[in-house]
Amino acid sequence: MSRVGKMIIEIPEKVSIKLNDSFVGITGPKGSINVPFHSDMKLKLDDKTLLVERPSDSRAHRSLHGTTRQLIANGIHGVNEGFSKNLEIRGVGYQANMQGKYLVLQLGYSHDIFFEPPEEIEIKANKTEITISGINKQLVGEVSAKIRSFRTPEPYKGKGIRYKDEYVKTKQGKTVGGATA
């Protein structure tokens, strides 16, 4: 039995759930989201709990069991509390600002980078810190990875965009006059 799949999902008071044949409609204080799931998975909704069951112990059903449960749990957490990722910018002259709905990044290129986030994502920026938040965990991760990809941290000086708690191992670089014949 899947360790993740057999866990019961607790539904907070502020969250309501609607079951359909192919997706779960989840509504909460932060918004609403539809989480699709495989038609073979069985969902049992009680008062304030939801249980995901699989029809057999086949390899395909075992692989879907934990994934389905976690996707639904992430949807419930997202509409109740939301998800966020924090990025930090390191480098002389590197900065980020919001201009209307665009995130403007100055990262040492000959031009500024204008990034338009999706409708469901909220971005806050103040010079060296960027906060990406939303109700969809996957979309928050995709947007933060996209922003990080504009200037990934380089290993010699550590300049670039990195996650707040990310550790970048720095290299020594060239040494002068180290070789002897």
N, C-alpha and C. Protein backbone atom coordinates (compact mmCIF):
# COMPACT_ATOMS: atom_id res chain seq x y z
N MET A 1 0.85 -1.18 0.00
CA MET A 1 0.00 0.00 0.00
C MET A 1 0.89 1.24 0.00
N SER A 2 0.49 2.23 -0.75
CA SER A 2 1.26 3.48 -0.82
C SER A 2 1.18 4.21 0.51
N ARG A 3 2.32 4.63 1.02
CA ARG A 3 2.33 5.34 2.29
C ARG A 3 1.64 6.69 2.17
N VAL A 4 1.86 7.37 1.05
CA VAL A 4 1.22 8.67 0.85
C VAL A 4 -0.24 8.49 0.48
N GLY A 5 -0.53 7.51 -0.38
CA GLY A 5 -1.88 7.31 -0.87
C GLY A 5 -2.89 6.91 0.19
N LYS A 6 -2.47 6.18 1.21
CA LYS A 6 -3.42 5.71 2.22
C LYS A 6 -3.71 6.75 3.29
N MET A 7 -2.98 7.86 3.31
CA MET A 7 -3.23 8.90 4.30
C MET A 7 -4.53 9.63 3.98
N ILE A 8 -5.28 9.95 5.03
CA ILE A 8 -6.55 10.65 4.87
C ILE A 8 -6.28 12.14 4.72
N ILE A 9 -6.99 12.78 3.81
CA ILE A 9 -6.85 14.22 3.61
C ILE A 9 -7.87 14.93 4.49
N GLU A 10 -7.38 15.77 5.38
CA GLU A 10 -8.26 16.57 6.24
C GLU A 10 -8.69 17.82 5.47
N ILE A 11 -9.99 18.10 5.47
CA ILE A 11 -10.51 19.26 4.76
C ILE A 11 -10.80 20.37 5.77
N PRO A 12 -10.16 21.54 5.64
CA PRO A 12 -10.43 22.65 6.58
C PRO A 12 -11.86 23.15 6.44
N GLU A 13 -12.32 23.89 7.46
CA GLU A 13 -13.70 24.37 7.47
C GLU A 13 -14.01 25.33 6.33
N LYS A 14 -13.06 26.14 5.94
CA LYS A 14 -13.29 27.17 4.92
C LYS A 14 -13.27 26.62 3.50
N VAL A 15 -12.94 25.33 3.34
CA VAL A 15 -12.78 24.74 2.01
C VAL A 15 -13.96 23.84 1.70
N SER A 16 -14.49 23.99 0.46
CA SER A 16 -15.57 23.09 0.01
C SER A 16 -15.08 22.31 -1.21
N ILE A 17 -15.57 21.07 -1.31
CA ILE A 17 -15.11 20.16 -2.37
C ILE A 17 -16.31 19.63 -3.14
N LYS A 18 -16.16 19.59 -4.47
CA LYS A 18 -17.16 19.01 -5.36
C LYS A 18 -16.50 17.91 -6.17
N LEU A 19 -17.06 16.72 -6.13
CA LEU A 19 -16.50 15.60 -6.87
C LEU A 19 -17.22 15.44 -8.21
N ASN A 20 -16.43 15.30 -9.28
CA ASN A 20 -16.96 14.98 -10.60
C ASN A 20 -16.28 13.70 -11.08
N ASP A 21 -16.60 13.26 -12.29
CA ASP A 21 -16.02 12.02 -12.79
C ASP A 21 -14.53 12.13 -13.06
N SER A 22 -14.07 13.28 -13.55
CA SER A 22 -12.67 13.39 -13.95
C SER A 22 -11.87 14.44 -13.19
N PHE A 23 -12.52 15.24 -12.34
CA PHE A 23 -11.78 16.23 -11.59
C PHE A 23 -12.46 16.53 -10.26
N VAL A 24 -11.68 17.13 -9.35
CA VAL A 24 -12.18 17.56 -8.05
C VAL A 24 -12.19 19.08 -8.05
N GLY A 25 -13.34 19.68 -7.80
CA GLY A 25 -13.45 21.13 -7.70
C GLY A 25 -13.24 21.55 -6.26
N ILE A 26 -12.23 22.37 -6.02
CA ILE A 26 -11.90 22.79 -4.66
C ILE A 26 -12.03 24.31 -4.60
N THR A 27 -12.81 24.80 -3.62
CA THR A 27 -13.02 26.23 -3.44
C THR A 27 -12.66 26.60 -2.01
N GLY A 28 -11.94 27.71 -1.87
CA GLY A 28 -11.52 28.17 -0.55
C GLY A 28 -11.39 29.67 -0.51
N PRO A 29 -10.83 30.20 0.58
CA PRO A 29 -10.72 31.65 0.73
C PRO A 29 -9.80 32.32 -0.29
N LYS A 30 -8.81 31.62 -0.82
CA LYS A 30 -7.87 32.21 -1.78
C LYS A 30 -8.33 32.07 -3.22
N GLY A 31 -9.33 31.24 -3.49
CA GLY A 31 -9.80 31.04 -4.86
C GLY A 31 -10.30 29.62 -5.06
N SER A 32 -10.40 29.23 -6.32
CA SER A 32 -10.86 27.88 -6.63
C SER A 32 -9.94 27.27 -7.68
N ILE A 33 -9.88 25.93 -7.65
CA ILE A 33 -9.01 25.20 -8.56
C ILE A 33 -9.66 23.86 -8.87
N ASN A 34 -9.47 23.37 -10.09
CA ASN A 34 -9.94 22.05 -10.48
C ASN A 34 -8.73 21.14 -10.61
N VAL A 35 -8.73 20.03 -9.86
CA VAL A 35 -7.63 19.08 -9.89
C VAL A 35 -8.10 17.83 -10.63
N PRO A 36 -7.53 17.54 -11.81
CA PRO A 36 -7.93 16.33 -12.53
C PRO A 36 -7.33 15.09 -11.88
N PHE A 37 -8.04 13.98 -12.00
CA PHE A 37 -7.51 12.71 -11.49
C PHE A 37 -7.92 11.59 -12.44
N HIS A 38 -7.22 10.47 -12.35
CA HIS A 38 -7.46 9.33 -13.24
C HIS A 38 -8.81 8.69 -12.89
N SER A 39 -9.51 8.24 -13.91
CA SER A 39 -10.86 7.69 -13.70
C SER A 39 -10.87 6.39 -12.91
N ASP A 40 -9.75 5.68 -12.83
CA ASP A 40 -9.69 4.43 -12.06
C ASP A 40 -9.66 4.67 -10.55
N MET A 41 -9.17 5.82 -10.12
CA MET A 41 -9.07 6.11 -8.69
C MET A 41 -10.45 6.40 -8.10
N LYS A 42 -10.71 5.87 -6.92
CA LYS A 42 -11.99 6.06 -6.23
C LYS A 42 -11.79 7.06 -5.10
N LEU A 43 -12.67 8.05 -5.01
CA LEU A 43 -12.60 9.06 -3.95
C LEU A 43 -13.79 8.90 -3.04
N LYS A 44 -13.54 8.86 -1.72
CA LYS A 44 -14.61 8.78 -0.73
C LYS A 44 -14.59 10.05 0.10
N LEU A 45 -15.67 10.82 0.01
CA LEU A 45 -15.79 12.08 0.73
C LEU A 45 -16.73 11.91 1.91
N ASP A 46 -16.21 12.13 3.13
CA ASP A 46 -17.03 12.12 4.34
C ASP A 46 -17.23 13.56 4.77
N ASP A 47 -17.54 13.78 6.04
CA ASP A 47 -17.77 15.13 6.55
C ASP A 47 -16.62 16.07 6.19
N LYS A 48 -15.50 15.88 6.81
CA LYS A 48 -14.34 16.75 6.57
C LYS A 48 -13.10 15.94 6.25
N THR A 49 -13.28 14.78 5.63
CA THR A 49 -12.15 13.97 5.22
C THR A 49 -12.37 13.45 3.80
N LEU A 50 -11.27 13.21 3.12
CA LEU A 50 -11.31 12.66 1.77
C LEU A 50 -10.29 11.53 1.71
N LEU A 51 -10.68 10.40 1.16
CA LEU A 51 -9.81 9.24 1.06
C LEU A 51 -9.71 8.80 -0.39
N VAL A 52 -8.50 8.56 -0.86
CA VAL A 52 -8.27 8.09 -2.23
C VAL A 52 -7.99 6.60 -2.16
N GLU A 53 -8.72 5.80 -2.95
CA GLU A 53 -8.53 4.35 -2.98
C GLU A 53 -8.24 3.91 -4.41
N ARG A 54 -7.48 2.82 -4.51
CA ARG A 54 -7.18 2.27 -5.83
C ARG A 54 -7.91 0.95 -6.00
N PRO A 55 -8.28 0.60 -7.23
CA PRO A 55 -9.07 -0.62 -7.45
C PRO A 55 -8.26 -1.91 -7.35
N SER A 56 -6.96 -1.87 -7.66
CA SER A 56 -6.16 -3.09 -7.63
C SER A 56 -4.73 -2.74 -7.24
N ASP A 57 -3.91 -3.78 -7.10
CA ASP A 57 -2.51 -3.58 -6.76
C ASP A 57 -1.61 -3.65 -7.98
N SER A 58 -2.14 -3.34 -9.15
CA SER A 58 -1.32 -3.34 -10.36
C SER A 58 -0.32 -2.19 -10.29
N ARG A 59 0.72 -2.29 -11.06
CA ARG A 59 1.78 -1.29 -11.05
C ARG A 59 1.24 0.10 -11.41
N ALA A 60 0.38 0.18 -12.41
CA ALA A 60 -0.17 1.47 -12.84
C ALA A 60 -1.02 2.10 -11.74
N HIS A 61 -1.84 1.31 -11.07
CA HIS A 61 -2.70 1.84 -10.00
C HIS A 61 -1.88 2.24 -8.78
N ARG A 62 -0.83 1.50 -8.48
CA ARG A 62 0.02 1.87 -7.36
C ARG A 62 0.72 3.20 -7.62
N SER A 63 1.15 3.42 -8.87
CA SER A 63 1.85 4.66 -9.19
C SER A 63 0.89 5.86 -9.18
N LEU A 64 -0.36 5.64 -9.50
CA LEU A 64 -1.35 6.73 -9.51
C LEU A 64 -1.88 7.06 -8.12
N HIS A 65 -1.85 6.11 -7.21
CA HIS A 65 -2.49 6.25 -5.92
C HIS A 65 -1.92 7.43 -5.10
N GLY A 66 -0.63 7.41 -4.83
CA GLY A 66 -0.01 8.46 -4.04
C GLY A 66 0.00 9.80 -4.76
N THR A 67 0.19 9.76 -6.08
CA THR A 67 0.21 10.99 -6.86
C THR A 67 -1.14 11.69 -6.82
N THR A 68 -2.21 10.93 -6.99
CA THR A 68 -3.55 11.51 -6.97
C THR A 68 -3.85 12.12 -5.62
N ARG A 69 -3.52 11.42 -4.56
CA ARG A 69 -3.78 11.93 -3.21
C ARG A 69 -3.01 13.22 -2.96
N GLN A 70 -1.74 13.26 -3.37
CA GLN A 70 -0.93 14.44 -3.10
C GLN A 70 -1.36 15.64 -3.94
N LEU A 71 -1.78 15.42 -5.18
CA LEU A 71 -2.26 16.52 -6.02
C LEU A 71 -3.52 17.16 -5.42
N ILE A 72 -4.42 16.33 -4.90
CA ILE A 72 -5.64 16.85 -4.28
C ILE A 72 -5.30 17.57 -2.98
N ALA A 73 -4.38 17.01 -2.18
CA ALA A 73 -3.96 17.66 -0.93
C ALA A 73 -3.29 19.00 -1.22
N ASN A 74 -2.50 19.08 -2.29
CA ASN A 74 -1.87 20.35 -2.66
C ASN A 74 -2.91 21.37 -3.10
N GLY A 75 -3.95 20.92 -3.79
CA GLY A 75 -5.03 21.83 -4.19
C GLY A 75 -5.76 22.39 -2.98
N ILE A 76 -6.02 21.55 -1.98
CA ILE A 76 -6.70 22.00 -0.76
C ILE A 76 -5.81 22.99 0.00
N HIS A 77 -4.53 22.69 0.12
CA HIS A 77 -3.60 23.60 0.80
C HIS A 77 -3.49 24.92 0.05
N GLY A 78 -3.51 24.86 -1.27
CA GLY A 78 -3.36 26.06 -2.09
C GLY A 78 -4.52 27.03 -1.95
N VAL A 79 -5.76 26.53 -1.97
CA VAL A 79 -6.91 27.43 -1.86
C VAL A 79 -7.11 27.90 -0.43
N ASN A 80 -6.55 27.19 0.55
CA ASN A 80 -6.69 27.59 1.95
C ASN A 80 -5.57 28.55 2.37
N GLU A 81 -4.31 28.20 2.10
CA GLU A 81 -3.18 29.01 2.55
C GLU A 81 -2.35 29.58 1.41
N GLY A 82 -2.27 28.89 0.29
CA GLY A 82 -1.47 29.34 -0.84
C GLY A 82 -0.04 28.84 -0.75
N PHE A 83 0.68 28.98 -1.86
CA PHE A 83 2.07 28.58 -1.95
C PHE A 83 2.90 29.79 -2.34
N SER A 84 4.15 29.81 -1.90
CA SER A 84 5.03 30.91 -2.31
C SER A 84 6.46 30.42 -2.40
N LYS A 85 7.23 31.07 -3.27
CA LYS A 85 8.66 30.81 -3.42
C LYS A 85 9.36 32.16 -3.37
N ASN A 86 10.52 32.17 -2.71
CA ASN A 86 11.30 33.39 -2.59
C ASN A 86 12.59 33.25 -3.37
N LEU A 87 12.89 34.26 -4.18
CA LEU A 87 14.13 34.31 -4.94
C LEU A 87 14.93 35.51 -4.47
N GLU A 88 16.25 35.41 -4.56
CA GLU A 88 17.09 36.56 -4.25
C GLU A 88 18.06 36.78 -5.40
N ILE A 89 18.39 38.05 -5.61
CA ILE A 89 19.28 38.44 -6.70
C ILE A 89 20.60 38.90 -6.09
N ARG A 90 21.70 38.34 -6.60
CA ARG A 90 23.02 38.75 -6.15
C ARG A 90 23.84 39.21 -7.35
N GLY A 91 24.49 40.33 -7.20
CA GLY A 91 25.33 40.87 -8.26
C GLY A 91 25.24 42.38 -8.27
N VAL A 92 26.34 43.03 -8.60
CA VAL A 92 26.37 44.50 -8.63
C VAL A 92 25.50 44.98 -9.79
N GLY A 93 24.53 45.82 -9.47
CA GLY A 93 23.65 46.38 -10.49
C GLY A 93 22.49 45.48 -10.87
N TYR A 94 22.41 44.28 -10.34
CA TYR A 94 21.30 43.38 -10.65
C TYR A 94 20.12 43.77 -9.77
N GLN A 95 18.94 43.92 -10.37
CA GLN A 95 17.77 44.27 -9.58
C GLN A 95 16.49 43.89 -10.30
N ALA A 96 15.39 43.88 -9.53
CA ALA A 96 14.07 43.55 -10.06
C ALA A 96 13.07 44.56 -9.52
N ASN A 97 12.14 44.99 -10.37
CA ASN A 97 11.07 45.92 -9.99
C ASN A 97 9.80 45.52 -10.72
N MET A 98 8.67 45.95 -10.19
CA MET A 98 7.39 45.73 -10.85
C MET A 98 6.99 47.02 -11.57
N GLN A 99 6.61 46.90 -12.84
CA GLN A 99 6.06 48.01 -13.60
C GLN A 99 4.71 47.55 -14.13
N GLY A 100 3.65 47.96 -13.43
CA GLY A 100 2.32 47.48 -13.78
C GLY A 100 2.23 46.00 -13.50
N LYS A 101 1.90 45.23 -14.52
CA LYS A 101 1.82 43.78 -14.32
C LYS A 101 3.12 43.07 -14.70
N TYR A 102 4.11 43.81 -15.20
CA TYR A 102 5.37 43.20 -15.64
C TYR A 102 6.42 43.23 -14.54
N LEU A 103 7.21 42.16 -14.48
CA LEU A 103 8.40 42.11 -13.65
C LEU A 103 9.57 42.52 -14.54
N VAL A 104 10.25 43.59 -14.15
CA VAL A 104 11.38 44.10 -14.94
C VAL A 104 12.67 43.70 -14.24
N LEU A 105 13.50 42.93 -14.94
CA LEU A 105 14.75 42.43 -14.39
C LEU A 105 15.93 43.08 -15.09
N GLN A 106 16.86 43.62 -14.31
CA GLN A 106 18.12 44.16 -14.83
C GLN A 106 19.21 43.24 -14.34
N LEU A 107 19.75 42.42 -15.25
CA LEU A 107 20.65 41.34 -14.86
C LEU A 107 21.99 41.39 -15.58
N GLY A 108 22.44 42.58 -15.95
CA GLY A 108 23.74 42.70 -16.58
C GLY A 108 23.74 42.49 -18.08
N TYR A 109 22.60 42.29 -18.67
CA TYR A 109 22.51 42.18 -20.12
C TYR A 109 22.42 43.58 -20.71
N SER A 110 22.47 43.69 -22.03
CA SER A 110 22.38 44.99 -22.68
C SER A 110 20.95 45.52 -22.69
N HIS A 111 20.00 44.72 -22.23
CA HIS A 111 18.60 45.11 -22.23
C HIS A 111 17.94 44.63 -20.94
N ASP A 112 16.83 45.25 -20.60
CA ASP A 112 16.04 44.80 -19.46
C ASP A 112 15.15 43.64 -19.91
N ILE A 113 14.84 42.76 -18.97
CA ILE A 113 13.96 41.63 -19.26
C ILE A 113 12.59 41.94 -18.67
N PHE A 114 11.55 41.93 -19.51
CA PHE A 114 10.18 42.15 -19.06
C PHE A 114 9.49 40.80 -19.02
N PHE A 115 9.05 40.40 -17.84
CA PHE A 115 8.39 39.10 -17.66
C PHE A 115 6.95 39.33 -17.24
N GLU A 116 6.01 38.77 -18.02
CA GLU A 116 4.59 38.87 -17.69
C GLU A 116 4.14 37.58 -17.03
N PRO A 117 3.77 37.62 -15.75
CA PRO A 117 3.35 36.39 -15.07
C PRO A 117 1.96 35.95 -15.51
N PRO A 118 1.62 34.68 -15.34
CA PRO A 118 0.26 34.21 -15.62
C PRO A 118 -0.75 34.90 -14.70
N GLU A 119 -2.02 34.83 -15.06
CA GLU A 119 -3.08 35.51 -14.31
C GLU A 119 -3.18 35.04 -12.86
N GLU A 120 -2.93 33.75 -12.60
CA GLU A 120 -3.12 33.18 -11.26
C GLU A 120 -1.95 33.46 -10.31
N ILE A 121 -0.87 34.04 -10.83
CA ILE A 121 0.35 34.23 -10.05
C ILE A 121 0.49 35.69 -9.65
N GLU A 122 0.90 35.90 -8.39
CA GLU A 122 1.17 37.24 -7.89
C GLU A 122 2.66 37.35 -7.59
N ILE A 123 3.29 38.42 -8.10
CA ILE A 123 4.72 38.62 -7.90
C ILE A 123 4.93 39.93 -7.17
N LYS A 124 5.80 39.89 -6.15
CA LYS A 124 6.22 41.09 -5.44
C LYS A 124 7.74 41.17 -5.56
N ALA A 125 8.25 42.35 -5.89
CA ALA A 125 9.69 42.52 -6.05
C ALA A 125 10.15 43.81 -5.40
N ASN A 126 11.27 43.75 -4.68
CA ASN A 126 11.90 44.96 -4.16
C ASN A 126 13.40 44.81 -4.33
N LYS A 127 13.93 45.37 -5.36
CA LYS A 127 15.36 45.39 -5.70
C LYS A 127 16.00 44.00 -5.74
N THR A 128 16.29 43.39 -4.60
CA THR A 128 17.04 42.14 -4.61
C THR A 128 16.24 40.92 -4.18
N GLU A 129 14.96 41.07 -3.88
CA GLU A 129 14.14 39.94 -3.48
C GLU A 129 12.87 39.87 -4.33
N ILE A 130 12.52 38.65 -4.72
CA ILE A 130 11.30 38.41 -5.51
C ILE A 130 10.49 37.34 -4.80
N THR A 131 9.19 37.60 -4.61
CA THR A 131 8.29 36.63 -3.99
C THR A 131 7.22 36.26 -5.01
N ILE A 132 7.11 34.97 -5.31
CA ILE A 132 6.11 34.46 -6.24
C ILE A 132 5.10 33.68 -5.42
N SER A 133 3.80 34.01 -5.55
CA SER A 133 2.79 33.30 -4.77
C SER A 133 1.57 33.02 -5.63
N GLY A 134 0.83 31.97 -5.23
CA GLY A 134 -0.37 31.57 -5.95
C GLY A 134 -0.98 30.34 -5.29
N ILE A 135 -2.10 29.85 -5.86
CA ILE A 135 -2.78 28.69 -5.28
C ILE A 135 -2.36 27.38 -5.94
N ASN A 136 -1.73 27.45 -7.10
CA ASN A 136 -1.32 26.25 -7.83
C ASN A 136 0.17 26.01 -7.60
N LYS A 137 0.51 24.96 -6.87
CA LYS A 137 1.90 24.69 -6.51
C LYS A 137 2.78 24.49 -7.73
N GLN A 138 2.28 23.78 -8.72
CA GLN A 138 3.06 23.50 -9.92
C GLN A 138 3.35 24.79 -10.69
N LEU A 139 2.37 25.66 -10.81
CA LEU A 139 2.54 26.90 -11.55
C LEU A 139 3.49 27.85 -10.82
N VAL A 140 3.42 27.90 -9.50
CA VAL A 140 4.35 28.73 -8.72
C VAL A 140 5.78 28.25 -8.94
N GLY A 141 5.99 26.93 -8.93
CA GLY A 141 7.32 26.37 -9.18
C GLY A 141 7.82 26.64 -10.59
N GLU A 142 6.94 26.54 -11.59
CA GLU A 142 7.32 26.79 -12.97
C GLU A 142 7.74 28.24 -13.19
N VAL A 143 6.95 29.18 -12.63
CA VAL A 143 7.25 30.59 -12.81
C VAL A 143 8.57 30.95 -12.11
N SER A 144 8.78 30.43 -10.90
CA SER A 144 10.03 30.74 -10.19
C SER A 144 11.22 30.14 -10.92
N ALA A 145 11.08 28.95 -11.49
CA ALA A 145 12.17 28.35 -12.25
C ALA A 145 12.45 29.14 -13.53
N LYS A 146 11.41 29.67 -14.16
CA LYS A 146 11.58 30.48 -15.37
C LYS A 146 12.33 31.76 -15.05
N ILE A 147 11.95 32.43 -13.95
CA ILE A 147 12.63 33.67 -13.56
C ILE A 147 14.09 33.38 -13.21
N ARG A 148 14.33 32.28 -12.51
CA ARG A 148 15.70 31.90 -12.14
C ARG A 148 16.53 31.61 -13.38
N SER A 149 15.92 31.10 -14.43
CA SER A 149 16.66 30.72 -15.64
C SER A 149 17.17 31.93 -16.42
N PHE A 150 16.66 33.13 -16.15
CA PHE A 150 17.15 34.32 -16.86
C PHE A 150 18.62 34.60 -16.52
N ARG A 151 19.04 34.28 -15.30
CA ARG A 151 20.45 34.41 -14.91
C ARG A 151 20.70 33.47 -13.74
N THR A 152 21.05 32.23 -14.07
CA THR A 152 21.31 31.24 -13.02
C THR A 152 22.59 31.61 -12.27
N PRO A 153 22.71 31.23 -11.01
CA PRO A 153 23.91 31.60 -10.26
C PRO A 153 25.16 30.92 -10.82
N GLU A 154 26.19 31.71 -11.02
CA GLU A 154 27.42 31.15 -11.57
C GLU A 154 28.37 30.80 -10.42
N PRO A 155 29.22 29.78 -10.60
CA PRO A 155 29.97 29.22 -9.47
C PRO A 155 31.22 30.00 -9.05
N TYR A 156 31.64 31.04 -9.76
CA TYR A 156 32.87 31.73 -9.40
C TYR A 156 32.64 32.92 -8.48
N LYS A 157 31.68 33.77 -8.81
CA LYS A 157 31.37 34.91 -7.95
C LYS A 157 30.03 34.77 -7.25
N GLY A 158 29.20 33.82 -7.71
CA GLY A 158 27.89 33.61 -7.10
C GLY A 158 26.84 34.57 -7.59
N LYS A 159 27.10 35.29 -8.69
CA LYS A 159 26.15 36.26 -9.21
C LYS A 159 25.00 35.54 -9.92
N GLY A 160 23.81 36.11 -9.80
CA GLY A 160 22.66 35.56 -10.49
C GLY A 160 21.44 35.52 -9.60
N ILE A 161 20.41 34.80 -10.06
CA ILE A 161 19.16 34.64 -9.30
C ILE A 161 19.15 33.25 -8.70
N ARG A 162 18.88 33.17 -7.40
CA ARG A 162 18.84 31.89 -6.72
C ARG A 162 17.63 31.85 -5.78
N TYR A 163 17.26 30.63 -5.38
CA TYR A 163 16.21 30.49 -4.37
C TYR A 163 16.75 31.00 -3.04
N LYS A 164 15.87 31.42 -2.17
CA LYS A 164 16.27 32.05 -0.91
C LYS A 164 17.19 31.14 -0.08
N ASP A 165 16.90 29.86 -0.01
CA ASP A 165 17.69 28.96 0.82
C ASP A 165 18.66 28.09 0.01
N GLU A 166 18.90 28.46 -1.24
CA GLU A 166 19.75 27.66 -2.12
C GLU A 166 21.22 27.90 -1.80
N TYR A 167 22.00 26.85 -1.77
CA TYR A 167 23.44 26.94 -1.56
C TYR A 167 24.12 26.72 -2.91
N VAL A 168 24.97 27.67 -3.30
CA VAL A 168 25.72 27.54 -4.54
C VAL A 168 27.18 27.34 -4.17
N LYS A 169 27.73 26.21 -4.54
CA LYS A 169 29.12 25.92 -4.23
C LYS A 169 30.02 26.76 -5.14
N THR A 170 30.91 27.51 -4.53
CA THR A 170 31.78 28.37 -5.32
C THR A 170 33.10 27.68 -5.62
N LYS A 171 33.63 27.98 -6.81
CA LYS A 171 34.91 27.42 -7.24
C LYS A 171 36.01 28.44 -7.00
N GLN A 172 37.24 27.98 -6.99
CA GLN A 172 38.36 28.85 -6.69
C GLN A 172 38.71 29.75 -7.86
N GLY A 173 38.69 29.29 -9.05
CA GLY A 173 39.08 30.09 -10.21
C GLY A 173 40.52 29.82 -10.58
N LYS A 174 41.07 30.69 -11.44
CA LYS A 174 42.45 30.50 -11.89
C LYS A 174 43.44 30.91 -10.82
N THR A 175 44.54 30.21 -10.76
CA THR A 175 45.62 30.59 -9.85
C THR A 175 46.79 31.09 -10.69
N VAL A 176 47.54 32.05 -10.18
CA VAL A 176 48.64 32.66 -10.94
C VAL A 176 49.96 32.00 -10.55
N GLY A 177 50.74 31.56 -11.56
CA GLY A 177 52.08 31.05 -11.34
C GLY A 177 52.15 29.77 -10.52
N GLY A 178 51.17 28.91 -10.64
CA GLY A 178 51.15 27.71 -9.83
C GLY A 178 51.95 26.56 -10.42
N ALA A 179 52.21 26.57 -11.69
CA ALA A 179 52.88 25.44 -12.34
C ALA A 179 54.39 25.60 -12.32
N THR A 180 55.10 24.54 -12.00
CA THR A 180 56.57 24.54 -12.05
C THR A 180 57.01 23.42 -12.97
N ALA A 181 58.10 23.66 -13.70
CA ALA A 181 58.57 22.67 -14.67
C ALA A 181 59.55 21.70 -14.17
